[in-house]
Amino acid sequence: MTCAAYADLYAGTGDRAHPLASPVFADLTGLPPLLVQVGANEVLLDDAVRLAGRAGADDVEVTLEVGPGPPHVFQHHYEHLDEADAALDRATRFLTAHLGAGHPGADRPERAH
């Protein structure tokens, strides 16, 4: 199946440039920090880079990670692909750092009752 065929399945006859169809065309102002992980051989690499650029232009903190060769949705292959394991570890650190930000005591372990 071609990319165009997948786009047809996703958007149907709708406008593929509508912000609800593609965040590349959305106003991302006000979103929390984003982590974008993509492989250098990914068919959507250009879109991932454009998304990160759009986020930065909209004053959203964004981290773009481009791996040297993992396939599409490579993170799905955790425990089978070293790049997936490493990417999920980085995503965990990213979430931990950002979800705890601004919450007093978030970096301290919870006390047993």
C-alpha atoms as a PDB file:
ATOM      1  CA  MET A   1       0.000   0.000   0.000  1.00  0.00           C
ATOM      2  CA  THR A   2       1.315   3.478  -0.827  1.00  0.00           C
ATOM      3  CA  CYS A   3       1.493   6.458   1.513  1.00  0.00           C
ATOM      4  CA  ALA A   4      -1.271   8.112  -0.514  1.00  0.00           C
ATOM      5  CA  ALA A   5      -3.502   5.090   0.010  1.00  0.00           C
ATOM      6  CA  TYR A   6      -2.927   5.213   3.769  1.00  0.00           C
ATOM      7  CA  ALA A   7      -3.665   8.948   3.744  1.00  0.00           C
ATOM      8  CA  ASP A   8      -6.923   8.209   1.916  1.00  0.00           C
ATOM      9  CA  LEU A   9      -7.858   5.663   4.587  1.00  0.00           C
ATOM     10  CA  TYR A  10      -7.048   8.153   7.321  1.00  0.00           C
ATOM     11  CA  ALA A  11      -8.524  11.369   5.942  1.00  0.00           C
ATOM     12  CA  GLY A  12     -10.996  10.091   3.368  1.00  0.00           C
ATOM     13  CA  THR A  13     -12.210  13.014   1.331  1.00  0.00           C
ATOM     14  CA  GLY A  14     -11.303  15.449   4.111  1.00  0.00           C
ATOM     15  CA  ASP A  15      -8.615  18.094   3.876  1.00  0.00           C
ATOM     16  CA  ARG A  16      -5.246  16.521   4.712  1.00  0.00           C
ATOM     17  CA  ALA A  17      -3.939  19.966   5.636  1.00  0.00           C
ATOM     18  CA  HIS A  18      -6.629  20.469   8.304  1.00  0.00           C
ATOM     19  CA  PRO A  19      -5.025  20.890  11.749  1.00  0.00           C
ATOM     20  CA  LEU A  20      -7.108  18.016  13.142  1.00  0.00           C
ATOM     21  CA  ALA A  21      -5.803  15.737  10.386  1.00  0.00           C
ATOM     22  CA  SER A  22      -2.164  16.730  10.758  1.00  0.00           C
ATOM     23  CA  PRO A  23      -0.504  18.539  13.663  1.00  0.00           C
ATOM     24  CA  VAL A  24       2.058  19.877  11.179  1.00  0.00           C
ATOM     25  CA  PHE A  25      -0.614  22.413  10.200  1.00  0.00           C
ATOM     26  CA  ALA A  26      -1.927  23.121  13.712  1.00  0.00           C
ATOM     27  CA  ASP A  27      -1.291  25.973  16.104  1.00  0.00           C
ATOM     28  CA  LEU A  28       0.572  24.147  18.871  1.00  0.00           C
ATOM     29  CA  THR A  29       0.751  27.149  21.208  1.00  0.00           C
ATOM     30  CA  GLY A  30       0.146  26.115  24.790  1.00  0.00           C
ATOM     31  CA  LEU A  31       1.050  22.449  24.426  1.00  0.00           C
ATOM     32  CA  PRO A  32       3.288  20.894  27.045  1.00  0.00           C
ATOM     33  CA  PRO A  33       6.842  19.900  26.089  1.00  0.00           C
ATOM     34  CA  LEU A  34       7.017  17.439  23.193  1.00  0.00           C
ATOM     35  CA  LEU A  35       9.373  14.576  22.492  1.00  0.00           C
ATOM     36  CA  VAL A  36       9.497  13.536  18.831  1.00  0.00           C
ATOM     37  CA  GLN A  37      11.398  10.320  18.084  1.00  0.00           C
ATOM     38  CA  VAL A  38      11.957   9.217  14.503  1.00  0.00           C
ATOM     39  CA  GLY A  39      14.346   7.091  12.491  1.00  0.00           C
ATOM     40  CA  ALA A  40      16.525   8.534   9.735  1.00  0.00           C
ATOM     41  CA  ASN A  41      14.988   6.041   7.276  1.00  0.00           C
ATOM     42  CA  GLU A  42      11.425   6.710   8.411  1.00  0.00           C
ATOM     43  CA  VAL A  43       8.955   7.542   5.650  1.00  0.00           C
ATOM     44  CA  LEU A  44       7.564  10.290   7.897  1.00  0.00           C
ATOM     45  CA  LEU A  45      10.964  11.779   8.811  1.00  0.00           C
ATOM     46  CA  ASP A  46      10.252  15.058   7.028  1.00  0.00           C
ATOM     47  CA  ASP A  47       6.901  15.352   8.812  1.00  0.00           C
ATOM     48  CA  ALA A  48       8.534  14.698  12.188  1.00  0.00           C
ATOM     49  CA  VAL A  49      11.093  17.427  11.528  1.00  0.00           C
ATOM     50  CA  ARG A  50       8.326  19.790  10.358  1.00  0.00           C
ATOM     51  CA  LEU A  51       6.295  19.017  13.497  1.00  0.00           C
ATOM     52  CA  ALA A  52       9.272  19.807  15.724  1.00  0.00           C
ATOM     53  CA  GLY A  53       9.844  23.026  13.796  1.00  0.00           C
ATOM     54  CA  ARG A  54       6.188  23.990  14.102  1.00  0.00           C
ATOM     55  CA  ALA A  55       6.281  23.355  17.839  1.00  0.00           C
ATOM     56  CA  GLY A  56       9.372  25.501  18.263  1.00  0.00           C
ATOM     57  CA  ALA A  57       7.822  28.282  16.178  1.00  0.00           C
ATOM     58  CA  ASP A  58       4.762  28.134  18.450  1.00  0.00           C
ATOM     59  CA  ASP A  59       6.951  28.498  21.580  1.00  0.00           C
ATOM     60  CA  VAL A  60       6.535  24.878  22.612  1.00  0.00           C
ATOM     61  CA  GLU A  61       9.574  23.210  24.162  1.00  0.00           C
ATOM     62  CA  VAL A  62      10.428  20.355  21.810  1.00  0.00           C
ATOM     63  CA  THR A  63      13.050  17.642  21.708  1.00  0.00           C
ATOM     64  CA  LEU A  64      13.649  15.984  18.345  1.00  0.00           C
ATOM     65  CA  GLU A  65      15.538  12.693  18.285  1.00  0.00           C
ATOM     66  CA  VAL A  66      16.521  11.247  14.915  1.00  0.00           C
ATOM     67  CA  GLY A  67      17.935   7.724  15.179  1.00  0.00           C
ATOM     68  CA  PRO A  68      20.369   6.491  12.536  1.00  0.00           C
ATOM     69  CA  GLY A  69      18.132   3.842  11.034  1.00  0.00           C
ATOM     70  CA  PRO A  70      15.175   2.487  13.010  1.00  0.00           C
ATOM     71  CA  PRO A  71      11.971   1.679  11.090  1.00  0.00           C
ATOM     72  CA  HIS A  72       8.510   3.239  11.436  1.00  0.00           C
ATOM     73  CA  VAL A  73       7.132   2.972  14.999  1.00  0.00           C
ATOM     74  CA  PHE A  74      10.366   1.290  16.051  1.00  0.00           C
ATOM     75  CA  GLN A  75       9.507   1.808  19.720  1.00  0.00           C
ATOM     76  CA  HIS A  76       6.890  -0.914  19.280  1.00  0.00           C
ATOM     77  CA  HIS A  77       9.744  -3.421  18.969  1.00  0.00           C
ATOM     78  CA  TYR A  78      10.918  -3.014  22.560  1.00  0.00           C
ATOM     79  CA  GLU A  79      12.741  -6.049  23.970  1.00  0.00           C
ATOM     80  CA  HIS A  80      13.616  -7.022  20.371  1.00  0.00           C
ATOM     81  CA  LEU A  81      15.370  -3.927  19.075  1.00  0.00           C
ATOM     82  CA  ASP A  82      18.041  -2.154  21.115  1.00  0.00           C
ATOM     83  CA  GLU A  83      17.100   1.207  19.570  1.00  0.00           C
ATOM     84  CA  ALA A  84      13.526   0.728  20.780  1.00  0.00           C
ATOM     85  CA  ASP A  85      14.618  -0.027  24.335  1.00  0.00           C
ATOM     86  CA  ALA A  86      16.905   3.015  24.385  1.00  0.00           C
ATOM     87  CA  ALA A  87      14.201   5.272  22.909  1.00  0.00           C
ATOM     88  CA  LEU A  88      11.661   4.168  25.507  1.00  0.00           C
ATOM     89  CA  ASP A  89      14.216   4.731  28.270  1.00  0.00           C
ATOM     90  CA  ARG A  90      14.741   8.286  26.990  1.00  0.00           C
ATOM     91  CA  ALA A  91      10.967   8.804  26.728  1.00  0.00           C
ATOM     92  CA  THR A  92      10.594   7.636  30.330  1.00  0.00           C
ATOM     93  CA  ARG A  93      13.225  10.127  31.489  1.00  0.00           C
ATOM     94  CA  PHE A  94      11.557  12.880  29.434  1.00  0.00           C
ATOM     95  CA  LEU A  95       8.142  12.183  30.961  1.00  0.00           C
ATOM     96  CA  THR A  96       9.512  11.840  34.473  1.00  0.00           C
ATOM     97  CA  ALA A  97      11.335  15.144  34.170  1.00  0.00           C
ATOM     98  CA  HIS A  98       8.345  17.009  32.763  1.00  0.00           C
ATOM     99  CA  LEU A  99       5.484  15.454  34.714  1.00  0.00           C
ATOM    100  CA  GLY A 100       7.237  16.114  38.008  1.00  0.00           C
ATOM    101  CA  ALA A 101       8.051  19.721  37.093  1.00  0.00           C
ATOM    102  CA  GLY A 102       6.121  22.230  39.129  1.00  0.00           C
ATOM    103  CA  HIS A 103       4.822  19.728  41.679  1.00  0.00           C
ATOM    104  CA  PRO A 104       6.381  20.234  45.114  1.00  0.00           C
ATOM    105  CA  GLY A 105       7.887  17.006  46.384  1.00  0.00           C
ATOM    106  CA  ALA A 106       7.472  15.224  43.057  1.00  0.00           C
ATOM    107  CA  ASP A 107      11.118  14.197  43.152  1.00  0.00           C
ATOM    108  CA  ARG A 108      10.762  12.581  46.586  1.00  0.00           C
ATOM    109  CA  PRO A 109       9.550   9.016  47.058  1.00  0.00           C
ATOM    110  CA  GLU A 110       6.066   8.645  48.534  1.00  0.00           C
ATOM    111  CA  ARG A 111       6.044   7.774  52.237  1.00  0.00           C
ATOM    112  CA  ALA A 112       4.469   4.544  53.387  1.00  0.00           C
ATOM    113  CA  HIS A 113       1.447   4.986  55.658  1.00  0.00           C
END
